[in-house]
């Protein structure tokens, strides 16, 4: 795998100086990254008749295109009591994938193909949309650098999106321009207020992206789109990439399918890593019949390795 960390408009000789100027982090600070949450409910939702403790954005409602606000029932099995609401702008740009919410209640998401790329052509997929926390309206926030959309490329663009509370950065992974044989994906670090690209890692097709400090370093963890591996890259305090990609663990031979890809990664309050795995092979047919399983890993800091605890 060809991996290149691109520091836009920054001379190579100045990169070590940039890292040296970064403020140091304490171990107590690092260990809480990915566990302590800053996310808040959008002000416009607080004005609605939705229980804030049971409500959230969803892009997986089978009969609703785009994003929906969902109030989940007290009893998860009581689906008749589930309440949904949608602003007209939330369906305007087609089907959406992952959702990341920042410390102000803004929600960020990106288009994904549902059955085909007819509704959302590849040329319009490499974009980030934002639901404004105050107005509740969704509009284009960021347009990522254009990728090759010629014949032979995979029918996807943005697959992973995550907001890091610690560094106030939005991390986005895209596979736009990749083919079955060539891995041309990019992971971007973005300032969510301006949509400026702060940093990027090229040559990686990633599905899930997540920032955590459970290993004793601030690291961006990502699930490979081409294997069952979960890998990571060290980050500076401000959220820039530092160093090379490293192997963490794999979902290979685990679960009912044995070849899941990490679709979502999170840390629970006790520091356990929860990895939600599903089949993924760049096929739209699989996307629409996706079964997801949760895997639990703990980190042994004494031996610097991950332990699978079950699923």
C-alpha atoms as a PDB file:
ATOM      1  CA  UNK A   1       0.000   0.000   0.000  1.00  0.00           C
ATOM      2  CA  UNK A   2       1.347   3.374  -0.984  1.00  0.00           C
ATOM      3  CA  UNK A   3       0.938   5.828   1.865  1.00  0.00           C
ATOM      4  CA  UNK A   4       1.748   9.504   1.609  1.00  0.00           C
ATOM      5  CA  UNK A   5       1.030  12.184   4.157  1.00  0.00           C
ATOM      6  CA  UNK A   6       0.559  15.459   2.330  1.00  0.00           C
ATOM      7  CA  UNK A   7       1.259  18.741   4.106  1.00  0.00           C
ATOM      8  CA  UNK A   8      -0.375  21.245   1.798  1.00  0.00           C
ATOM      9  CA  UNK A   9       1.789  24.264   0.937  1.00  0.00           C
ATOM     10  CA  UNK A  10       4.256  23.379   3.727  1.00  0.00           C
ATOM     11  CA  UNK A  11       7.964  22.862   2.899  1.00  0.00           C
ATOM     12  CA  UNK A  12       9.291  19.468   4.020  1.00  0.00           C
ATOM     13  CA  UNK A  13      11.976  21.102   6.178  1.00  0.00           C
ATOM     14  CA  UNK A  14       9.323  22.874   8.251  1.00  0.00           C
ATOM     15  CA  UNK A  15       7.263  19.786   9.125  1.00  0.00           C
ATOM     16  CA  UNK A  16       9.417  18.700  12.134  1.00  0.00           C
ATOM     17  CA  UNK A  17       9.304  22.290  13.400  1.00  0.00           C
ATOM     18  CA  UNK A  18       5.516  22.263  13.118  1.00  0.00           C
ATOM     19  CA  UNK A  19       5.263  19.127  15.274  1.00  0.00           C
ATOM     20  CA  UNK A  20       7.773  20.531  17.788  1.00  0.00           C
ATOM     21  CA  UNK A  21       5.613  23.634  18.251  1.00  0.00           C
ATOM     22  CA  UNK A  22       2.522  21.558  19.049  1.00  0.00           C
ATOM     23  CA  UNK A  23       1.420  21.769  22.670  1.00  0.00           C
ATOM     24  CA  UNK A  24       2.144  18.565  24.588  1.00  0.00           C
ATOM     25  CA  UNK A  25      -0.679  16.429  25.930  1.00  0.00           C
ATOM     26  CA  UNK A  26      -0.887  14.847  29.385  1.00  0.00           C
ATOM     27  CA  UNK A  27      -1.667  11.133  29.735  1.00  0.00           C
ATOM     28  CA  UNK A  28      -4.843  12.008  31.624  1.00  0.00           C
ATOM     29  CA  UNK A  29      -5.930  14.165  28.697  1.00  0.00           C
ATOM     30  CA  UNK A  30      -5.043  11.564  26.072  1.00  0.00           C
ATOM     31  CA  UNK A  31      -6.814   8.663  27.760  1.00  0.00           C
ATOM     32  CA  UNK A  32     -10.142  10.538  27.669  1.00  0.00           C
ATOM     33  CA  UNK A  33     -10.010  11.210  23.917  1.00  0.00           C
ATOM     34  CA  UNK A  34     -12.834   9.321  22.261  1.00  0.00           C
ATOM     35  CA  UNK A  35     -14.488   8.582  25.616  1.00  0.00           C
ATOM     36  CA  UNK A  36     -15.378  12.082  26.828  1.00  0.00           C
ATOM     37  CA  UNK A  37     -18.045  13.492  24.514  1.00  0.00           C
ATOM     38  CA  UNK A  38     -18.710  17.137  23.693  1.00  0.00           C
ATOM     39  CA  UNK A  39     -21.618  16.491  21.391  1.00  0.00           C
ATOM     40  CA  UNK A  40     -24.804  18.404  22.102  1.00  0.00           C
ATOM     41  CA  UNK A  41     -28.359  18.430  20.846  1.00  0.00           C
ATOM     42  CA  UNK A  42     -29.066  21.074  18.217  1.00  0.00           C
ATOM     43  CA  UNK A  43     -30.971  24.107  19.565  1.00  0.00           C
ATOM     44  CA  UNK A  44     -33.687  23.713  16.913  1.00  0.00           C
ATOM     45  CA  UNK A  45     -34.458  20.189  18.195  1.00  0.00           C
ATOM     46  CA  UNK A  46     -34.906  21.482  21.746  1.00  0.00           C
ATOM     47  CA  UNK A  47     -37.830  23.568  20.492  1.00  0.00           C
ATOM     48  CA  UNK A  48     -39.610  20.499  19.115  1.00  0.00           C
ATOM     49  CA  UNK A  49     -41.805  17.924  20.797  1.00  0.00           C
ATOM     50  CA  UNK A  50     -39.033  15.311  20.844  1.00  0.00           C
ATOM     51  CA  UNK A  51     -37.500  13.760  23.964  1.00  0.00           C
ATOM     52  CA  UNK A  52     -33.832  14.880  23.781  1.00  0.00           C
ATOM     53  CA  UNK A  53     -32.656  11.769  25.652  1.00  0.00           C
ATOM     54  CA  UNK A  54     -34.174   9.423  23.072  1.00  0.00           C
ATOM     55  CA  UNK A  55     -33.782  11.435  19.870  1.00  0.00           C
ATOM     56  CA  UNK A  56     -31.133  11.642  17.204  1.00  0.00           C
ATOM     57  CA  UNK A  57     -30.410  11.897  13.493  1.00  0.00           C
ATOM     58  CA  UNK A  58     -30.704   8.783  11.342  1.00  0.00           C
ATOM     59  CA  UNK A  59     -29.900   7.978   7.725  1.00  0.00           C
ATOM     60  CA  UNK A  60     -31.003   4.343   7.938  1.00  0.00           C
ATOM     61  CA  UNK A  61     -34.789   4.672   7.960  1.00  0.00           C
ATOM     62  CA  UNK A  62     -35.795   2.364   5.106  1.00  0.00           C
ATOM     63  CA  UNK A  63     -38.607   4.540   3.752  1.00  0.00           C
ATOM     64  CA  UNK A  64     -37.012   7.978   4.250  1.00  0.00           C
ATOM     65  CA  UNK A  65     -34.488   9.407   1.797  1.00  0.00           C
ATOM     66  CA  UNK A  66     -31.735  11.537   3.301  1.00  0.00           C
ATOM     67  CA  UNK A  67     -31.729  12.323   7.029  1.00  0.00           C
ATOM     68  CA  UNK A  68     -34.530  11.958   9.573  1.00  0.00           C
ATOM     69  CA  UNK A  69     -34.903  13.037  13.179  1.00  0.00           C
ATOM     70  CA  UNK A  70     -35.995   9.991  15.167  1.00  0.00           C
ATOM     71  CA  UNK A  71     -37.392   9.685  18.677  1.00  0.00           C
ATOM     72  CA  UNK A  72     -36.765   6.078  19.636  1.00  0.00           C
ATOM     73  CA  UNK A  73     -39.351   4.299  21.825  1.00  0.00           C
ATOM     74  CA  UNK A  74     -38.645   3.544  25.480  1.00  0.00           C
ATOM     75  CA  UNK A  75     -39.006  -0.136  24.621  1.00  0.00           C
ATOM     76  CA  UNK A  76     -36.781  -0.790  21.561  1.00  0.00           C
ATOM     77  CA  UNK A  77     -39.171  -3.468  20.344  1.00  0.00           C
ATOM     78  CA  UNK A  78     -42.149  -1.119  20.312  1.00  0.00           C
ATOM     79  CA  UNK A  79     -41.540   0.216  16.796  1.00  0.00           C
ATOM     80  CA  UNK A  80     -45.085   1.596  16.567  1.00  0.00           C
ATOM     81  CA  UNK A  81     -44.072   4.263  19.091  1.00  0.00           C
ATOM     82  CA  UNK A  82     -41.077   5.457  17.074  1.00  0.00           C
ATOM     83  CA  UNK A  83     -41.554   9.049  15.937  1.00  0.00           C
ATOM     84  CA  UNK A  84     -39.841  10.592  12.900  1.00  0.00           C
ATOM     85  CA  UNK A  85     -39.639  14.072  11.409  1.00  0.00           C
ATOM     86  CA  UNK A  86     -37.843  15.492   8.392  1.00  0.00           C
ATOM     87  CA  UNK A  87     -37.191  18.994   7.121  1.00  0.00           C
ATOM     88  CA  UNK A  88     -37.655  19.151   3.308  1.00  0.00           C
ATOM     89  CA  UNK A  89     -33.984  20.099   2.815  1.00  0.00           C
ATOM     90  CA  UNK A  90     -32.849  16.829   4.405  1.00  0.00           C
ATOM     91  CA  UNK A  91     -34.090  14.798   1.426  1.00  0.00           C
ATOM     92  CA  UNK A  92     -33.029  17.303  -1.229  1.00  0.00           C
ATOM     93  CA  UNK A  93     -29.581  15.817  -1.883  1.00  0.00           C
ATOM     94  CA  UNK A  94     -30.426  12.118  -1.984  1.00  0.00           C
ATOM     95  CA  UNK A  95     -29.565   9.195   0.269  1.00  0.00           C
ATOM     96  CA  UNK A  96     -27.005   9.856   3.000  1.00  0.00           C
ATOM     97  CA  UNK A  97     -24.479   7.771   4.915  1.00  0.00           C
ATOM     98  CA  UNK A  98     -22.738   8.349   8.238  1.00  0.00           C
ATOM     99  CA  UNK A  99     -23.567  11.323  10.466  1.00  0.00           C
ATOM    100  CA  UNK A 100     -21.185  13.259  12.738  1.00  0.00           C
ATOM    101  CA  UNK A 101     -22.378  15.858  15.249  1.00  0.00           C
ATOM    102  CA  UNK A 102     -20.111  18.601  16.604  1.00  0.00           C
ATOM    103  CA  UNK A 103     -19.999  20.464  19.920  1.00  0.00           C
ATOM    104  CA  UNK A 104     -22.546  23.026  18.698  1.00  0.00           C
ATOM    105  CA  UNK A 105     -25.138  20.527  17.514  1.00  0.00           C
ATOM    106  CA  UNK A 106     -24.357  20.853  13.798  1.00  0.00           C
ATOM    107  CA  UNK A 107     -24.643  17.547  11.935  1.00  0.00           C
ATOM    108  CA  UNK A 108     -22.417  16.575   9.005  1.00  0.00           C
ATOM    109  CA  UNK A 109     -23.151  13.846   6.486  1.00  0.00           C
ATOM    110  CA  UNK A 110     -22.329  12.756   2.928  1.00  0.00           C
ATOM    111  CA  UNK A 111     -24.178  11.121   0.015  1.00  0.00           C
ATOM    112  CA  UNK A 112     -24.100   7.367  -0.582  1.00  0.00           C
ATOM    113  CA  UNK A 113     -25.648   5.423  -3.468  1.00  0.00           C
ATOM    114  CA  UNK A 114     -28.748   3.422  -2.540  1.00  0.00           C
ATOM    115  CA  UNK A 115     -29.393   1.156  -5.510  1.00  0.00           C
ATOM    116  CA  UNK A 116     -27.410   2.910  -8.231  1.00  0.00           C
ATOM    117  CA  UNK A 117     -25.569   6.157  -8.855  1.00  0.00           C
ATOM    118  CA  UNK A 118     -28.521   7.520 -10.856  1.00  0.00           C
ATOM    119  CA  UNK A 119     -29.904   9.725  -8.045  1.00  0.00           C
ATOM    120  CA  UNK A 120     -26.472  10.950  -6.957  1.00  0.00           C
ATOM    121  CA  UNK A 121     -23.791  10.761  -9.666  1.00  0.00           C
ATOM    122  CA  UNK A 122     -20.205  10.110  -8.602  1.00  0.00           C
ATOM    123  CA  UNK A 123     -19.327  13.675  -9.544  1.00  0.00           C
ATOM    124  CA  UNK A 124     -21.620  14.899  -6.729  1.00  0.00           C
ATOM    125  CA  UNK A 125     -20.742  12.334  -4.048  1.00  0.00           C
ATOM    126  CA  UNK A 126     -17.426  13.736  -2.812  1.00  0.00           C
ATOM    127  CA  UNK A 127     -19.203  16.363  -0.727  1.00  0.00           C
ATOM    128  CA  UNK A 128     -20.094  17.061   2.891  1.00  0.00           C
ATOM    129  CA  UNK A 129     -23.503  18.461   3.837  1.00  0.00           C
ATOM    130  CA  UNK A 130     -24.367  20.206   7.082  1.00  0.00           C
ATOM    131  CA  UNK A 131     -27.600  20.485   9.058  1.00  0.00           C
ATOM    132  CA  UNK A 132     -27.344  23.842  10.806  1.00  0.00           C
ATOM    133  CA  UNK A 133     -27.866  23.546  14.565  1.00  0.00           C
ATOM    134  CA  UNK A 134     -29.948  26.715  14.753  1.00  0.00           C
ATOM    135  CA  UNK A 135     -32.006  26.751  11.559  1.00  0.00           C
ATOM    136  CA  UNK A 136     -32.343  23.002  11.028  1.00  0.00           C
ATOM    137  CA  UNK A 137     -31.715  23.472   7.297  1.00  0.00           C
ATOM    138  CA  UNK A 138     -29.312  21.253   5.354  1.00  0.00           C
ATOM    139  CA  UNK A 139     -26.977  22.661   2.721  1.00  0.00           C
ATOM    140  CA  UNK A 140     -23.619  21.975   1.088  1.00  0.00           C
ATOM    141  CA  UNK A 141     -20.757  22.617   3.523  1.00  0.00           C
ATOM    142  CA  UNK A 142     -17.614  21.205   1.894  1.00  0.00           C
ATOM    143  CA  UNK A 143     -16.728  20.110  -1.599  1.00  0.00           C
ATOM    144  CA  UNK A 144     -13.740  17.769  -1.448  1.00  0.00           C
ATOM    145  CA  UNK A 145     -11.095  17.804  -4.201  1.00  0.00           C
ATOM    146  CA  UNK A 146     -12.434  16.267  -7.402  1.00  0.00           C
ATOM    147  CA  UNK A 147     -11.466  12.663  -8.092  1.00  0.00           C
ATOM    148  CA  UNK A 148     -11.359  10.619 -11.266  1.00  0.00           C
ATOM    149  CA  UNK A 149     -14.898   9.469 -12.082  1.00  0.00           C
ATOM    150  CA  UNK A 150     -14.085   7.617 -15.292  1.00  0.00           C
ATOM    151  CA  UNK A 151     -15.241   4.098 -16.036  1.00  0.00           C
ATOM    152  CA  UNK A 152     -13.781   1.457 -13.749  1.00  0.00           C
ATOM    153  CA  UNK A 153     -13.851   3.411 -10.481  1.00  0.00           C
ATOM    154  CA  UNK A 154     -15.829   2.111  -7.507  1.00  0.00           C
ATOM    155  CA  UNK A 155     -19.382   3.524  -7.076  1.00  0.00           C
ATOM    156  CA  UNK A 156     -18.620   5.215  -3.747  1.00  0.00           C
ATOM    157  CA  UNK A 157     -16.998   8.359  -2.386  1.00  0.00           C
ATOM    158  CA  UNK A 158     -17.267   9.348   1.308  1.00  0.00           C
ATOM    159  CA  UNK A 159     -17.560   6.290   3.553  1.00  0.00           C
ATOM    160  CA  UNK A 160     -16.417   7.509   6.969  1.00  0.00           C
ATOM    161  CA  UNK A 161     -17.089  10.721   8.903  1.00  0.00           C
ATOM    162  CA  UNK A 162     -16.241  11.558  12.535  1.00  0.00           C
ATOM    163  CA  UNK A 163     -15.993  14.692  14.675  1.00  0.00           C
ATOM    164  CA  UNK A 164     -13.116  14.758  17.187  1.00  0.00           C
ATOM    165  CA  UNK A 165     -14.128  16.745  20.274  1.00  0.00           C
ATOM    166  CA  UNK A 166     -10.524  17.039  21.489  1.00  0.00           C
ATOM    167  CA  UNK A 167      -9.048  18.688  18.408  1.00  0.00           C
ATOM    168  CA  UNK A 168     -12.296  20.142  17.009  1.00  0.00           C
ATOM    169  CA  UNK A 169     -11.674  18.513  13.631  1.00  0.00           C
ATOM    170  CA  UNK A 170     -13.900  16.648  11.225  1.00  0.00           C
ATOM    171  CA  UNK A 171     -12.306  13.497   9.771  1.00  0.00           C
ATOM    172  CA  UNK A 172     -13.624  12.252   6.451  1.00  0.00           C
ATOM    173  CA  UNK A 173     -12.566   9.184   4.474  1.00  0.00           C
ATOM    174  CA  UNK A 174     -13.323   8.941   0.768  1.00  0.00           C
ATOM    175  CA  UNK A 175     -12.644   6.228  -1.801  1.00  0.00           C
ATOM    176  CA  UNK A 176     -13.546   8.437  -4.771  1.00  0.00           C
ATOM    177  CA  UNK A 177     -11.316   7.569  -7.713  1.00  0.00           C
ATOM    178  CA  UNK A 178     -10.300   4.138  -6.408  1.00  0.00           C
ATOM    179  CA  UNK A 179     -10.688   1.067  -8.588  1.00  0.00           C
ATOM    180  CA  UNK A 180     -10.848  -2.615  -7.708  1.00  0.00           C
ATOM    181  CA  UNK A 181      -7.086  -2.792  -8.170  1.00  0.00           C
ATOM    182  CA  UNK A 182      -5.866   0.687  -7.212  1.00  0.00           C
ATOM    183  CA  UNK A 183      -6.267   2.151  -3.716  1.00  0.00           C
ATOM    184  CA  UNK A 184      -6.555   5.910  -4.185  1.00  0.00           C
ATOM    185  CA  UNK A 185      -8.621   6.890  -1.157  1.00  0.00           C
ATOM    186  CA  UNK A 186      -7.907   9.874   1.097  1.00  0.00           C
ATOM    187  CA  UNK A 187      -8.530  10.627   4.775  1.00  0.00           C
ATOM    188  CA  UNK A 188      -9.030  14.356   5.352  1.00  0.00           C
ATOM    189  CA  UNK A 189      -8.749  16.408   8.540  1.00  0.00           C
ATOM    190  CA  UNK A 190     -11.129  19.350   8.104  1.00  0.00           C
ATOM    191  CA  UNK A 191     -11.878  22.504  10.077  1.00  0.00           C
ATOM    192  CA  UNK A 192     -15.683  22.185  10.373  1.00  0.00           C
ATOM    193  CA  UNK A 193     -16.226  25.924  10.771  1.00  0.00           C
ATOM    194  CA  UNK A 194     -14.495  26.904   7.524  1.00  0.00           C
ATOM    195  CA  UNK A 195     -14.345  23.542   5.706  1.00  0.00           C
ATOM    196  CA  UNK A 196     -10.638  24.155   5.074  1.00  0.00           C
ATOM    197  CA  UNK A 197      -8.607  20.964   4.651  1.00  0.00           C
ATOM    198  CA  UNK A 198      -6.053  21.057   7.475  1.00  0.00           C
ATOM    199  CA  UNK A 199      -4.264  17.820   6.583  1.00  0.00           C
ATOM    200  CA  UNK A 200      -4.695  14.630   4.597  1.00  0.00           C
ATOM    201  CA  UNK A 201      -3.407  11.076   4.196  1.00  0.00           C
ATOM    202  CA  UNK A 202      -3.469   9.691   0.666  1.00  0.00           C
ATOM    203  CA  UNK A 203      -3.472   6.123  -0.622  1.00  0.00           C
ATOM    204  CA  UNK A 204      -5.896   4.652   1.942  1.00  0.00           C
ATOM    205  CA  UNK A 205      -9.401   3.300   1.315  1.00  0.00           C
ATOM    206  CA  UNK A 206     -11.053   3.533   4.747  1.00  0.00           C
ATOM    207  CA  UNK A 207     -14.599   2.834   5.842  1.00  0.00           C
ATOM    208  CA  UNK A 208     -14.767   3.752   9.540  1.00  0.00           C
ATOM    209  CA  UNK A 209     -12.759   6.626  11.049  1.00  0.00           C
ATOM    210  CA  UNK A 210     -12.473   7.370  14.771  1.00  0.00           C
ATOM    211  CA  UNK A 211     -10.146   9.290  17.100  1.00  0.00           C
ATOM    212  CA  UNK A 212      -9.185   7.793  20.463  1.00  0.00           C
ATOM    213  CA  UNK A 213      -6.410   7.866  23.059  1.00  0.00           C
ATOM    214  CA  UNK A 214      -6.819   4.503  24.773  1.00  0.00           C
ATOM    215  CA  UNK A 215      -3.356   3.306  23.634  1.00  0.00           C
ATOM    216  CA  UNK A 216      -1.643   6.265  25.331  1.00  0.00           C
ATOM    217  CA  UNK A 217      -1.333   8.228  22.091  1.00  0.00           C
ATOM    218  CA  UNK A 218      -3.886  10.312  20.244  1.00  0.00           C
ATOM    219  CA  UNK A 219      -4.559   8.195  17.157  1.00  0.00           C
ATOM    220  CA  UNK A 220      -6.956   8.112  14.240  1.00  0.00           C
ATOM    221  CA  UNK A 221      -8.248   4.549  13.935  1.00  0.00           C
ATOM    222  CA  UNK A 222      -9.688   3.414  10.636  1.00  0.00           C
ATOM    223  CA  UNK A 223     -11.243   0.294   9.196  1.00  0.00           C
ATOM    224  CA  UNK A 224      -9.754  -0.733   5.881  1.00  0.00           C
ATOM    225  CA  UNK A 225     -12.158  -1.071   2.961  1.00  0.00           C
ATOM    226  CA  UNK A 226      -9.912  -3.710   1.372  1.00  0.00           C
ATOM    227  CA  UNK A 227      -9.283  -6.023   4.320  1.00  0.00           C
ATOM    228  CA  UNK A 228     -10.674  -6.762   7.767  1.00  0.00           C
ATOM    229  CA  UNK A 229      -7.856  -4.823   9.419  1.00  0.00           C
ATOM    230  CA  UNK A 230      -8.230  -1.904  11.797  1.00  0.00           C
ATOM    231  CA  UNK A 231      -5.199   0.368  11.565  1.00  0.00           C
ATOM    232  CA  UNK A 232      -4.237   3.736  13.048  1.00  0.00           C
ATOM    233  CA  UNK A 233      -2.152   6.877  12.518  1.00  0.00           C
ATOM    234  CA  UNK A 234      -0.837   9.078  15.324  1.00  0.00           C
ATOM    235  CA  UNK A 235      -2.228  12.613  15.568  1.00  0.00           C
ATOM    236  CA  UNK A 236      -0.907  15.819  17.078  1.00  0.00           C
ATOM    237  CA  UNK A 237      -2.951  17.635  19.717  1.00  0.00           C
ATOM    238  CA  UNK A 238      -4.482  19.904  17.076  1.00  0.00           C
ATOM    239  CA  UNK A 239      -5.404  16.895  14.946  1.00  0.00           C
ATOM    240  CA  UNK A 240      -2.745  16.771  12.227  1.00  0.00           C
ATOM    241  CA  UNK A 241      -1.375  13.444  11.029  1.00  0.00           C
ATOM    242  CA  UNK A 242       1.961  12.364  12.484  1.00  0.00           C
ATOM    243  CA  UNK A 243       3.892   9.278  11.460  1.00  0.00           C
ATOM    244  CA  UNK A 244       2.906   6.184   9.508  1.00  0.00           C
ATOM    245  CA  UNK A 245      -0.065   3.858   9.496  1.00  0.00           C
ATOM    246  CA  UNK A 246       0.210   0.940  11.917  1.00  0.00           C
ATOM    247  CA  UNK A 247      -1.666  -2.337  12.278  1.00  0.00           C
ATOM    248  CA  UNK A 248      -3.902  -2.662  15.367  1.00  0.00           C
ATOM    249  CA  UNK A 249      -6.048  -5.803  14.951  1.00  0.00           C
ATOM    250  CA  UNK A 250      -8.271  -7.624  12.474  1.00  0.00           C
ATOM    251  CA  UNK A 251     -11.854  -8.880  12.240  1.00  0.00           C
ATOM    252  CA  UNK A 252     -10.697 -11.712   9.981  1.00  0.00           C
ATOM    253  CA  UNK A 253     -12.197 -15.070  10.996  1.00  0.00           C
ATOM    254  CA  UNK A 254     -14.468 -13.395  13.558  1.00  0.00           C
ATOM    255  CA  UNK A 255     -18.260 -13.300  13.577  1.00  0.00           C
ATOM    256  CA  UNK A 256     -20.780 -15.120  11.384  1.00  0.00           C
ATOM    257  CA  UNK A 257     -19.215 -14.042   8.078  1.00  0.00           C
ATOM    258  CA  UNK A 258     -15.514 -14.134   8.953  1.00  0.00           C
ATOM    259  CA  UNK A 259     -14.479 -11.275   6.669  1.00  0.00           C
ATOM    260  CA  UNK A 260     -16.277  -8.203   8.018  1.00  0.00           C
ATOM    261  CA  UNK A 261     -14.968  -4.680   7.465  1.00  0.00           C
ATOM    262  CA  UNK A 262     -15.059  -2.176  10.335  1.00  0.00           C
ATOM    263  CA  UNK A 263     -18.007   0.107   9.505  1.00  0.00           C
ATOM    264  CA  UNK A 264     -18.051   2.052  12.802  1.00  0.00           C
ATOM    265  CA  UNK A 265     -15.575   2.330  15.686  1.00  0.00           C
ATOM    266  CA  UNK A 266     -16.281   3.754  19.144  1.00  0.00           C
ATOM    267  CA  UNK A 267     -15.017   3.595  22.755  1.00  0.00           C
ATOM    268  CA  UNK A 268     -17.427   2.864  25.591  1.00  0.00           C
ATOM    269  CA  UNK A 269     -17.164   4.661  28.984  1.00  0.00           C
ATOM    270  CA  UNK A 270     -14.858   1.900  30.266  1.00  0.00           C
ATOM    271  CA  UNK A 271     -12.411   2.256  27.380  1.00  0.00           C
ATOM    272  CA  UNK A 272     -13.508  -0.867  25.503  1.00  0.00           C
ATOM    273  CA  UNK A 273     -13.354  -0.484  21.732  1.00  0.00           C
ATOM    274  CA  UNK A 274     -16.617  -1.347  19.999  1.00  0.00           C
ATOM    275  CA  UNK A 275     -16.222  -2.212  16.332  1.00  0.00           C
ATOM    276  CA  UNK A 276     -19.351  -2.609  14.236  1.00  0.00           C
ATOM    277  CA  UNK A 277     -18.496  -4.868  11.332  1.00  0.00           C
ATOM    278  CA  UNK A 278     -20.350  -5.704   8.145  1.00  0.00           C
ATOM    279  CA  UNK A 279     -19.724  -7.148   4.714  1.00  0.00           C
ATOM    280  CA  UNK A 280     -18.267  -4.636   2.270  1.00  0.00           C
ATOM    281  CA  UNK A 281     -16.745  -5.232  -1.169  1.00  0.00           C
ATOM    282  CA  UNK A 282     -17.647  -1.998  -3.024  1.00  0.00           C
ATOM    283  CA  UNK A 283     -20.873  -3.652  -4.241  1.00  0.00           C
ATOM    284  CA  UNK A 284     -24.149  -1.715  -4.160  1.00  0.00           C
ATOM    285  CA  UNK A 285     -26.050  -4.985  -3.712  1.00  0.00           C
ATOM    286  CA  UNK A 286     -24.266  -5.619  -0.402  1.00  0.00           C
ATOM    287  CA  UNK A 287     -24.865  -2.025   0.709  1.00  0.00           C
ATOM    288  CA  UNK A 288     -28.617  -2.553   0.537  1.00  0.00           C
ATOM    289  CA  UNK A 289     -28.680  -5.877   2.405  1.00  0.00           C
ATOM    290  CA  UNK A 290     -26.186  -5.108   5.147  1.00  0.00           C
ATOM    291  CA  UNK A 291     -26.080  -7.111   8.371  1.00  0.00           C
ATOM    292  CA  UNK A 292     -23.956  -5.607  11.138  1.00  0.00           C
ATOM    293  CA  UNK A 293     -22.317  -7.264  14.147  1.00  0.00           C
ATOM    294  CA  UNK A 294     -20.570  -5.660  17.120  1.00  0.00           C
ATOM    295  CA  UNK A 295     -17.104  -6.774  18.234  1.00  0.00           C
ATOM    296  CA  UNK A 296     -15.488  -5.813  21.550  1.00  0.00           C
ATOM    297  CA  UNK A 297     -11.735  -5.281  21.996  1.00  0.00           C
ATOM    298  CA  UNK A 298      -9.722  -4.191  25.035  1.00  0.00           C
ATOM    299  CA  UNK A 299      -6.206  -2.751  24.967  1.00  0.00           C
ATOM    300  CA  UNK A 300      -3.470  -4.374  27.071  1.00  0.00           C
ATOM    301  CA  UNK A 301      -1.148  -1.419  27.695  1.00  0.00           C
ATOM    302  CA  UNK A 302       1.458  -3.584  29.430  1.00  0.00           C
ATOM    303  CA  UNK A 303       1.962  -5.705  26.307  1.00  0.00           C
ATOM    304  CA  UNK A 304       0.804  -3.067  23.782  1.00  0.00           C
ATOM    305  CA  UNK A 305      -1.729  -5.300  22.083  1.00  0.00           C
ATOM    306  CA  UNK A 306      -5.463  -5.633  21.557  1.00  0.00           C
ATOM    307  CA  UNK A 307      -7.515  -8.497  22.994  1.00  0.00           C
ATOM    308  CA  UNK A 308     -10.761  -9.654  21.387  1.00  0.00           C
ATOM    309  CA  UNK A 309     -13.415 -10.033  24.088  1.00  0.00           C
ATOM    310  CA  UNK A 310     -16.276 -11.325  21.981  1.00  0.00           C
ATOM    311  CA  UNK A 311     -19.144 -10.128  19.837  1.00  0.00           C
END
